[in-house]
Amino acid sequence: MKQVQLFLGHSNYSTTADIYAHLSPNALDASGATMQSLLAPKPAENGKEAVSV
């Protein structure tokens, strides 16, 4: 977001955040799916679920 602020020349970060920080429902779904895939347990090579420590 800071890069967007600098690129657009906004003097305040809050101006940029107020205008550009919203997400569409599709973007929320996509980011949720990405987080789920990153945080979900991965199956072990032997077919059993891997245990996270």
Protein backbone atom coordinates (compact mmCIF):
# COMPACT_ATOMS: atom_id res chain seq x y z
CA MET A 1 0.00 0.00 0.00
CA LYS A 2 2.90 2.33 0.75
CA GLN A 3 4.16 1.87 -2.80
CA VAL A 4 0.73 2.82 -4.14
CA GLN A 5 0.76 5.94 -1.94
CA LEU A 6 4.14 7.00 -3.28
CA PHE A 7 3.23 6.20 -6.89
CA LEU A 8 0.00 8.22 -6.72
CA GLY A 9 1.56 11.09 -4.78
CA HIS A 10 -0.78 10.97 -1.80
CA SER A 11 0.75 12.84 1.13
CA ASN A 12 -1.09 10.71 3.70
CA TYR A 13 -1.13 6.94 3.89
CA SER A 14 -4.69 7.07 5.18
CA THR A 15 -5.87 8.72 1.95
CA THR A 16 -4.53 5.84 -0.11
CA ALA A 17 -5.84 3.22 2.32
CA ASP A 18 -9.32 4.76 2.42
CA ILE A 19 -9.58 4.72 -1.37
CA TYR A 20 -7.78 1.51 -2.35
CA ALA A 21 -7.87 -0.88 0.64
CA HIS A 22 -11.28 -2.41 -0.14
CA LEU A 23 -11.60 -5.88 -1.62
CA SER A 24 -14.27 -7.29 -3.86
CA PRO A 25 -16.05 -10.49 -2.78
CA ASN A 26 -14.09 -12.42 -5.44
CA ALA A 27 -10.80 -11.09 -4.09
CA LEU A 28 -11.81 -12.10 -0.56
CA ASP A 29 -12.68 -15.61 -1.76
CA ALA A 30 -9.39 -15.92 -3.64
CA SER A 31 -7.28 -14.75 -0.70
CA GLY A 32 -9.19 -17.08 1.65
CA ALA A 33 -8.56 -20.04 -0.65
CA THR A 34 -4.87 -19.15 -0.81
CA MET A 35 -4.59 -18.96 2.97
CA GLN A 36 -6.44 -22.25 3.34
CA SER A 37 -4.07 -23.99 0.93
CA LEU A 38 -1.05 -22.57 2.77
CA LEU A 39 -2.30 -23.51 6.24
CA ALA A 40 -3.94 -26.87 5.52
CA PRO A 41 -1.99 -29.95 6.61
CA LYS A 42 -0.11 -31.56 3.76
CA PRO A 43 -0.36 -35.33 3.23
CA ALA A 44 2.80 -37.26 3.96
CA GLU A 45 4.45 -39.26 1.21
CA ASN A 46 3.12 -42.50 2.70
CA GLY A 47 -0.47 -41.28 2.24
CA LYS A 48 -1.02 -40.36 5.88
CA GLU A 49 -1.62 -36.80 7.00
CA ALA A 50 1.57 -35.03 8.06
CA VAL A 51 1.68 -33.71 11.60
CA SER A 52 2.71 -30.10 12.08
CA VAL A 53 4.89 -29.20 15.06
